Amino acid sequence: MGIEIKINIPISTDQFIKLLNESALGERRPVEDRECMEGMTKNSNLMVTAWDGEKLVGIARSMTDFHYACYLSDLAVHKDYQQQGIGKNLLKTTQKQLGPRCKLILVAAPAAAKYYKHIGFANNPRCWVLDRHQSVRSKPAF
């Protein structure tokens, strides 16, 4: 049996956490915060998953308007299934769900930067991040 790609099939929080822990992404996500992890899966509006039978082996989890921008929040492939083209297939399937002008945007882990460049992504140094514990600063009054 081969790997099957599915679009917007609900997955459990446990399946998601297990996959992240079995990929390199578990180190960079709050896998110990079950409420957060549940929210991440329930509130994504585009999830492309890879399955080996009943086993979740890959995910491309996104938020998108389907017309202009798609933010790819997570791309994870189980360590035993990496280097088989599953990640590329998840990305290609994600792209097929988007409108013709919709761009795919992601923030890569430092170790993954070469991978994304290799498959055709362009680096954009204009990304800005405001962590949850930080506040938007008010402009000083003059």
N, C-alpha and C. Protein backbone atom coordinates (compact mmCIF):
# COMPACT_ATOMS: atom_id res chain seq x y z
N MET A 1 0.84 -1.18 0.00
CA MET A 1 0.00 0.00 0.00
C MET A 1 0.89 1.25 0.00
N GLY A 2 0.54 2.26 -0.80
CA GLY A 2 1.32 3.48 -0.87
C GLY A 2 0.81 4.54 0.08
N ILE A 3 1.45 5.68 0.03
CA ILE A 3 1.04 6.82 0.86
C ILE A 3 -0.16 7.48 0.21
N GLU A 4 -1.18 7.77 1.01
CA GLU A 4 -2.39 8.41 0.51
C GLU A 4 -2.45 9.85 1.03
N ILE A 5 -2.70 10.79 0.13
CA ILE A 5 -2.83 12.20 0.49
C ILE A 5 -4.31 12.53 0.63
N LYS A 6 -4.65 13.19 1.74
CA LYS A 6 -6.05 13.57 2.00
C LYS A 6 -6.12 15.07 2.30
N ILE A 7 -7.24 15.66 1.93
CA ILE A 7 -7.43 17.09 2.11
C ILE A 7 -8.54 17.33 3.13
N ASN A 8 -8.21 18.13 4.15
CA ASN A 8 -9.15 18.54 5.20
C ASN A 8 -9.85 17.39 5.90
N ILE A 9 -9.13 16.30 6.12
CA ILE A 9 -9.63 15.20 6.93
C ILE A 9 -9.31 15.54 8.38
N PRO A 10 -10.31 15.56 9.26
CA PRO A 10 -10.01 15.87 10.67
C PRO A 10 -9.00 14.88 11.26
N ILE A 11 -8.10 15.41 12.06
CA ILE A 11 -7.16 14.57 12.79
C ILE A 11 -7.30 14.88 14.27
N SER A 12 -6.95 13.92 15.10
CA SER A 12 -7.04 14.15 16.55
C SER A 12 -5.82 14.93 17.02
N THR A 13 -5.98 15.55 18.16
CA THR A 13 -4.87 16.26 18.78
C THR A 13 -3.72 15.29 19.06
N ASP A 14 -4.05 14.09 19.51
CA ASP A 14 -3.02 13.09 19.79
C ASP A 14 -2.25 12.71 18.52
N GLN A 15 -2.94 12.55 17.40
CA GLN A 15 -2.26 12.23 16.15
C GLN A 15 -1.31 13.35 15.75
N PHE A 16 -1.76 14.59 15.90
CA PHE A 16 -0.96 15.75 15.54
C PHE A 16 0.29 15.83 16.41
N ILE A 17 0.12 15.72 17.72
CA ILE A 17 1.25 15.79 18.64
C ILE A 17 2.24 14.66 18.35
N LYS A 18 1.73 13.47 18.14
CA LYS A 18 2.61 12.32 17.87
C LYS A 18 3.43 12.55 16.60
N LEU A 19 2.78 13.04 15.54
CA LEU A 19 3.51 13.31 14.30
C LEU A 19 4.58 14.37 14.51
N LEU A 20 4.24 15.45 15.19
CA LEU A 20 5.24 16.50 15.42
C LEU A 20 6.43 15.96 16.21
N ASN A 21 6.15 15.13 17.22
CA ASN A 21 7.24 14.55 18.01
C ASN A 21 8.07 13.56 17.22
N GLU A 22 7.49 12.96 16.20
CA GLU A 22 8.21 11.99 15.37
C GLU A 22 8.85 12.64 14.14
N SER A 23 8.78 13.95 14.09
CA SER A 23 9.45 14.73 13.05
C SER A 23 10.34 15.75 13.76
N ALA A 24 11.04 16.54 13.03
CA ALA A 24 11.90 17.57 13.64
C ALA A 24 11.10 18.74 14.19
N LEU A 25 9.82 18.83 13.86
CA LEU A 25 9.03 20.01 14.24
C LEU A 25 8.58 20.00 15.70
N GLY A 26 8.58 18.85 16.35
CA GLY A 26 8.16 18.76 17.74
C GLY A 26 8.96 19.66 18.67
N GLU A 27 10.21 19.89 18.33
CA GLU A 27 11.08 20.75 19.15
C GLU A 27 10.67 22.22 19.07
N ARG A 28 9.95 22.59 18.01
CA ARG A 28 9.64 24.00 17.76
C ARG A 28 8.17 24.34 17.95
N ARG A 29 7.40 23.41 18.47
CA ARG A 29 5.97 23.63 18.69
C ARG A 29 5.62 23.33 20.14
N PRO A 30 4.58 23.96 20.68
CA PRO A 30 4.22 23.76 22.10
C PRO A 30 3.46 22.45 22.32
N VAL A 31 4.11 21.32 22.04
CA VAL A 31 3.43 20.03 22.10
C VAL A 31 2.94 19.68 23.51
N GLU A 32 3.48 20.33 24.53
CA GLU A 32 3.04 20.07 25.91
C GLU A 32 1.76 20.83 26.25
N ASP A 33 1.37 21.77 25.41
CA ASP A 33 0.17 22.59 25.64
C ASP A 33 -0.97 22.02 24.79
N ARG A 34 -1.71 21.10 25.37
CA ARG A 34 -2.76 20.38 24.64
C ARG A 34 -3.83 21.31 24.08
N GLU A 35 -4.23 22.30 24.85
CA GLU A 35 -5.26 23.24 24.39
C GLU A 35 -4.78 23.99 23.15
N CYS A 36 -3.54 24.41 23.15
CA CYS A 36 -2.98 25.10 21.99
C CYS A 36 -2.94 24.17 20.78
N MET A 37 -2.47 22.95 20.99
CA MET A 37 -2.36 22.00 19.89
C MET A 37 -3.74 21.67 19.31
N GLU A 38 -4.73 21.54 20.17
CA GLU A 38 -6.09 21.28 19.70
C GLU A 38 -6.60 22.45 18.86
N GLY A 39 -6.34 23.67 19.32
CA GLY A 39 -6.73 24.86 18.58
C GLY A 39 -6.04 24.95 17.23
N MET A 40 -4.78 24.52 17.18
CA MET A 40 -4.03 24.56 15.93
C MET A 40 -4.68 23.68 14.86
N THR A 41 -5.17 22.51 15.26
CA THR A 41 -5.78 21.62 14.27
C THR A 41 -7.21 22.01 13.96
N LYS A 42 -7.95 22.42 14.96
CA LYS A 42 -9.37 22.73 14.74
C LYS A 42 -9.58 24.03 13.97
N ASN A 43 -8.64 24.96 14.07
CA ASN A 43 -8.83 26.28 13.45
C ASN A 43 -8.08 26.49 12.15
N SER A 44 -7.35 25.50 11.70
CA SER A 44 -6.70 25.61 10.39
C SER A 44 -7.77 25.43 9.32
N ASN A 45 -7.66 26.19 8.24
CA ASN A 45 -8.70 26.04 7.21
C ASN A 45 -8.20 25.30 5.96
N LEU A 46 -6.96 24.82 5.99
CA LEU A 46 -6.49 23.93 4.93
C LEU A 46 -5.45 22.99 5.54
N MET A 47 -5.80 21.72 5.60
CA MET A 47 -4.87 20.71 6.10
C MET A 47 -4.76 19.60 5.07
N VAL A 48 -3.55 19.39 4.60
CA VAL A 48 -3.26 18.31 3.67
C VAL A 48 -2.43 17.30 4.46
N THR A 49 -2.89 16.06 4.49
CA THR A 49 -2.23 15.05 5.30
C THR A 49 -1.80 13.86 4.45
N ALA A 50 -0.77 13.18 4.93
CA ALA A 50 -0.26 11.97 4.28
C ALA A 50 -0.45 10.80 5.23
N TRP A 51 -0.95 9.69 4.68
CA TRP A 51 -1.30 8.52 5.50
C TRP A 51 -0.66 7.27 4.94
N ASP A 52 -0.15 6.45 5.83
CA ASP A 52 0.29 5.10 5.50
C ASP A 52 -0.71 4.19 6.19
N GLY A 53 -1.74 3.80 5.47
CA GLY A 53 -2.84 3.07 6.09
C GLY A 53 -3.55 3.99 7.07
N GLU A 54 -3.59 3.61 8.33
CA GLU A 54 -4.24 4.41 9.38
C GLU A 54 -3.27 5.35 10.09
N LYS A 55 -2.01 5.31 9.69
CA LYS A 55 -0.98 6.09 10.37
C LYS A 55 -0.74 7.43 9.68
N LEU A 56 -0.88 8.51 10.44
CA LEU A 56 -0.57 9.85 9.95
C LEU A 56 0.95 9.99 9.86
N VAL A 57 1.45 10.24 8.65
CA VAL A 57 2.91 10.32 8.47
C VAL A 57 3.37 11.69 7.96
N GLY A 58 2.43 12.58 7.64
CA GLY A 58 2.82 13.90 7.17
C GLY A 58 1.66 14.87 7.22
N ILE A 59 1.99 16.15 7.35
CA ILE A 59 0.96 17.19 7.37
C ILE A 59 1.51 18.50 6.82
N ALA A 60 0.68 19.20 6.06
CA ALA A 60 0.90 20.59 5.68
C ALA A 60 -0.32 21.33 6.21
N ARG A 61 -0.13 22.12 7.27
CA ARG A 61 -1.24 22.79 7.95
C ARG A 61 -1.16 24.29 7.65
N SER A 62 -2.26 24.83 7.10
CA SER A 62 -2.24 26.22 6.62
C SER A 62 -3.45 27.02 7.06
N MET A 63 -3.28 28.33 6.97
CA MET A 63 -4.37 29.31 7.08
C MET A 63 -4.32 30.12 5.79
N THR A 64 -5.48 30.24 5.12
CA THR A 64 -5.47 30.93 3.83
C THR A 64 -6.80 31.60 3.53
N ASP A 65 -6.76 32.58 2.63
CA ASP A 65 -7.97 33.17 2.06
C ASP A 65 -8.25 32.56 0.69
N PHE A 66 -7.36 31.69 0.22
CA PHE A 66 -7.45 30.96 -1.05
C PHE A 66 -7.31 31.85 -2.29
N HIS A 67 -7.08 33.14 -2.11
CA HIS A 67 -7.00 34.05 -3.25
C HIS A 67 -5.69 34.82 -3.33
N TYR A 68 -5.18 35.25 -2.18
CA TYR A 68 -3.97 36.07 -2.20
C TYR A 68 -2.81 35.45 -1.43
N ALA A 69 -3.09 34.97 -0.22
CA ALA A 69 -2.00 34.46 0.62
C ALA A 69 -2.41 33.21 1.37
N CYS A 70 -1.47 32.30 1.45
CA CYS A 70 -1.63 31.08 2.23
C CYS A 70 -0.42 30.99 3.15
N TYR A 71 -0.66 31.03 4.46
CA TYR A 71 0.42 30.90 5.43
C TYR A 71 0.52 29.43 5.83
N LEU A 72 1.59 28.80 5.44
CA LEU A 72 1.85 27.42 5.80
C LEU A 72 2.46 27.40 7.20
N SER A 73 1.67 27.01 8.17
CA SER A 73 2.11 27.03 9.56
C SER A 73 3.02 25.87 9.89
N ASP A 74 2.70 24.69 9.37
CA ASP A 74 3.48 23.50 9.68
C ASP A 74 3.63 22.62 8.45
N LEU A 75 4.83 22.14 8.24
CA LEU A 75 5.09 21.07 7.28
C LEU A 75 5.92 20.05 8.04
N ALA A 76 5.33 18.90 8.30
CA ALA A 76 6.02 17.88 9.10
C ALA A 76 5.85 16.52 8.43
N VAL A 77 6.94 15.77 8.38
CA VAL A 77 6.92 14.40 7.88
C VAL A 77 7.63 13.53 8.91
N HIS A 78 6.99 12.43 9.25
CA HIS A 78 7.56 11.47 10.20
C HIS A 78 8.98 11.12 9.78
N LYS A 79 9.91 11.05 10.74
CA LYS A 79 11.33 10.83 10.42
C LYS A 79 11.58 9.56 9.61
N ASP A 80 10.75 8.52 9.81
CA ASP A 80 10.93 7.27 9.06
C ASP A 80 10.42 7.36 7.62
N TYR A 81 9.75 8.47 7.28
CA TYR A 81 9.15 8.63 5.95
C TYR A 81 9.78 9.79 5.18
N GLN A 82 10.79 10.43 5.76
CA GLN A 82 11.44 11.57 5.09
C GLN A 82 12.28 11.09 3.92
N GLN A 83 12.56 12.02 3.02
CA GLN A 83 13.38 11.78 1.82
C GLN A 83 12.69 10.85 0.83
N GLN A 84 11.34 10.82 0.87
CA GLN A 84 10.57 10.01 -0.07
C GLN A 84 9.66 10.87 -0.96
N GLY A 85 9.79 12.20 -0.84
CA GLY A 85 8.98 13.10 -1.64
C GLY A 85 7.63 13.43 -1.02
N ILE A 86 7.38 12.99 0.21
CA ILE A 86 6.08 13.24 0.85
C ILE A 86 5.89 14.74 1.12
N GLY A 87 6.92 15.40 1.63
CA GLY A 87 6.82 16.84 1.90
C GLY A 87 6.51 17.62 0.63
N LYS A 88 7.20 17.31 -0.45
CA LYS A 88 6.95 17.98 -1.73
C LYS A 88 5.52 17.71 -2.20
N ASN A 89 5.06 16.48 -2.04
CA ASN A 89 3.70 16.14 -2.45
C ASN A 89 2.68 16.90 -1.61
N LEU A 90 2.92 17.04 -0.32
CA LEU A 90 2.03 17.83 0.53
C LEU A 90 1.98 19.29 0.07
N LEU A 91 3.14 19.84 -0.28
CA LEU A 91 3.20 21.23 -0.75
C LEU A 91 2.50 21.39 -2.10
N LYS A 92 2.73 20.47 -3.02
CA LYS A 92 2.08 20.54 -4.32
C LYS A 92 0.56 20.43 -4.19
N THR A 93 0.11 19.54 -3.33
CA THR A 93 -1.33 19.38 -3.12
C THR A 93 -1.92 20.63 -2.48
N THR A 94 -1.19 21.21 -1.54
CA THR A 94 -1.63 22.47 -0.92
C THR A 94 -1.78 23.54 -2.00
N GLN A 95 -0.78 23.68 -2.85
CA GLN A 95 -0.83 24.68 -3.92
C GLN A 95 -2.03 24.48 -4.84
N LYS A 96 -2.35 23.24 -5.14
CA LYS A 96 -3.48 22.95 -6.04
C LYS A 96 -4.81 23.40 -5.45
N GLN A 97 -4.88 23.52 -4.13
CA GLN A 97 -6.13 23.95 -3.48
C GLN A 97 -6.30 25.46 -3.54
N LEU A 98 -5.25 26.18 -3.88
CA LEU A 98 -5.25 27.64 -3.83
C LEU A 98 -5.60 28.23 -5.18
N GLY A 99 -6.09 29.46 -5.15
CA GLY A 99 -6.39 30.17 -6.38
C GLY A 99 -5.12 30.48 -7.17
N PRO A 100 -5.27 30.87 -8.43
CA PRO A 100 -4.11 31.05 -9.32
C PRO A 100 -3.16 32.18 -8.91
N ARG A 101 -3.62 33.11 -8.08
CA ARG A 101 -2.76 34.22 -7.65
C ARG A 101 -2.28 34.09 -6.21
N CYS A 102 -2.68 33.02 -5.55
CA CYS A 102 -2.40 32.84 -4.13
C CYS A 102 -0.97 32.36 -3.91
N LYS A 103 -0.22 33.11 -3.11
CA LYS A 103 1.17 32.73 -2.84
C LYS A 103 1.25 31.93 -1.54
N LEU A 104 2.23 31.06 -1.47
CA LEU A 104 2.48 30.22 -0.30
C LEU A 104 3.60 30.86 0.51
N ILE A 105 3.32 31.14 1.78
CA ILE A 105 4.25 31.86 2.65
C ILE A 105 4.52 30.99 3.87
N LEU A 106 5.80 30.93 4.29
CA LEU A 106 6.12 30.17 5.50
C LEU A 106 7.34 30.78 6.18
N VAL A 107 7.48 30.46 7.45
CA VAL A 107 8.68 30.80 8.21
C VAL A 107 9.38 29.48 8.47
N ALA A 108 10.57 29.32 7.91
CA ALA A 108 11.29 28.06 7.99
C ALA A 108 12.16 27.99 9.23
N ALA A 109 12.26 26.79 9.78
CA ALA A 109 13.25 26.54 10.82
C ALA A 109 14.62 26.70 10.19
N PRO A 110 15.60 27.19 10.94
CA PRO A 110 16.93 27.39 10.36
C PRO A 110 17.48 26.16 9.64
N ALA A 111 17.26 24.99 10.18
CA ALA A 111 17.79 23.77 9.56
C ALA A 111 17.09 23.42 8.25
N ALA A 112 15.90 24.00 8.02
CA ALA A 112 15.13 23.67 6.82
C ALA A 112 15.32 24.69 5.70
N ALA A 113 16.07 25.74 5.93
CA ALA A 113 16.21 26.81 4.93
C ALA A 113 16.73 26.29 3.59
N LYS A 114 17.70 25.41 3.61
CA LYS A 114 18.25 24.87 2.36
C LYS A 114 17.21 24.05 1.61
N TYR A 115 16.38 23.32 2.35
CA TYR A 115 15.34 22.50 1.72
C TYR A 115 14.39 23.37 0.91
N TYR A 116 13.90 24.46 1.51
CA TYR A 116 12.92 25.29 0.82
C TYR A 116 13.54 25.99 -0.39
N LYS A 117 14.77 26.42 -0.27
CA LYS A 117 15.44 27.02 -1.43
C LYS A 117 15.59 25.99 -2.54
N HIS A 118 15.95 24.77 -2.19
CA HIS A 118 16.16 23.69 -3.15
C HIS A 118 14.89 23.36 -3.95
N ILE A 119 13.72 23.50 -3.32
CA ILE A 119 12.48 23.14 -4.02
C ILE A 119 11.79 24.35 -4.66
N GLY A 120 12.43 25.53 -4.63
CA GLY A 120 11.91 26.65 -5.40
C GLY A 120 11.39 27.85 -4.63
N PHE A 121 11.38 27.80 -3.31
CA PHE A 121 10.93 28.96 -2.53
C PHE A 121 12.00 30.05 -2.59
N ALA A 122 11.55 31.31 -2.59
CA ALA A 122 12.46 32.45 -2.53
C ALA A 122 12.52 32.95 -1.09
N ASN A 123 13.71 33.33 -0.66
CA ASN A 123 13.87 33.87 0.69
C ASN A 123 13.38 35.31 0.70
N ASN A 124 12.64 35.67 1.75
CA ASN A 124 12.14 37.02 1.90
C ASN A 124 12.57 37.53 3.27
N PRO A 125 13.49 38.48 3.31
CA PRO A 125 13.99 38.97 4.61
C PRO A 125 13.04 39.94 5.32
N ARG A 126 11.85 40.18 4.78
CA ARG A 126 10.94 41.15 5.36
C ARG A 126 9.94 40.56 6.35
N CYS A 127 10.13 39.36 6.78
CA CYS A 127 9.21 38.76 7.75
C CYS A 127 9.44 39.39 9.12
N TRP A 128 8.36 39.70 9.81
CA TRP A 128 8.41 40.27 11.14
C TRP A 128 7.53 39.45 12.06
N VAL A 129 7.96 39.28 13.30
CA VAL A 129 7.23 38.47 14.27
C VAL A 129 7.03 39.27 15.55
N LEU A 130 5.81 39.23 16.08
CA LEU A 130 5.50 39.82 17.37
C LEU A 130 5.02 38.68 18.26
N ASP A 131 5.87 38.26 19.20
CA ASP A 131 5.50 37.16 20.08
C ASP A 131 4.31 37.56 20.96
N ARG A 132 3.61 36.54 21.44
CA ARG A 132 2.39 36.77 22.20
C ARG A 132 2.63 37.58 23.46
N HIS A 133 3.77 37.42 24.10
CA HIS A 133 4.04 38.15 25.33
C HIS A 133 4.48 39.59 25.09
N GLN A 134 4.67 39.95 23.84
CA GLN A 134 5.05 41.32 23.50
C GLN A 134 3.82 42.13 23.12
N SER A 135 3.91 43.45 23.30
CA SER A 135 2.80 44.33 22.93
C SER A 135 3.21 45.22 21.77
N VAL A 136 2.24 45.60 20.99
CA VAL A 136 2.47 46.59 19.94
C VAL A 136 2.75 47.92 20.66
N ARG A 137 3.87 48.54 20.32
CA ARG A 137 4.22 49.80 20.96
C ARG A 137 3.47 50.96 20.32
N SER A 138 3.06 51.86 21.16
CA SER A 138 2.41 53.08 20.66
C SER A 138 3.47 54.02 20.12
N LYS A 139 3.09 54.77 19.10
CA LYS A 139 4.01 55.77 18.56
C LYS A 139 4.16 56.87 19.60
N PRO A 140 5.39 57.32 19.85
CA PRO A 140 5.57 58.39 20.83
C PRO A 140 4.83 59.66 20.41
N ALA A 141 4.21 60.32 21.36
CA ALA A 141 3.51 61.60 21.08
C ALA A 141 4.54 62.71 20.90
N PHE A 142 4.29 63.60 19.97
CA PHE A 142 5.20 64.72 19.72
C PHE A 142 4.58 65.99 20.15
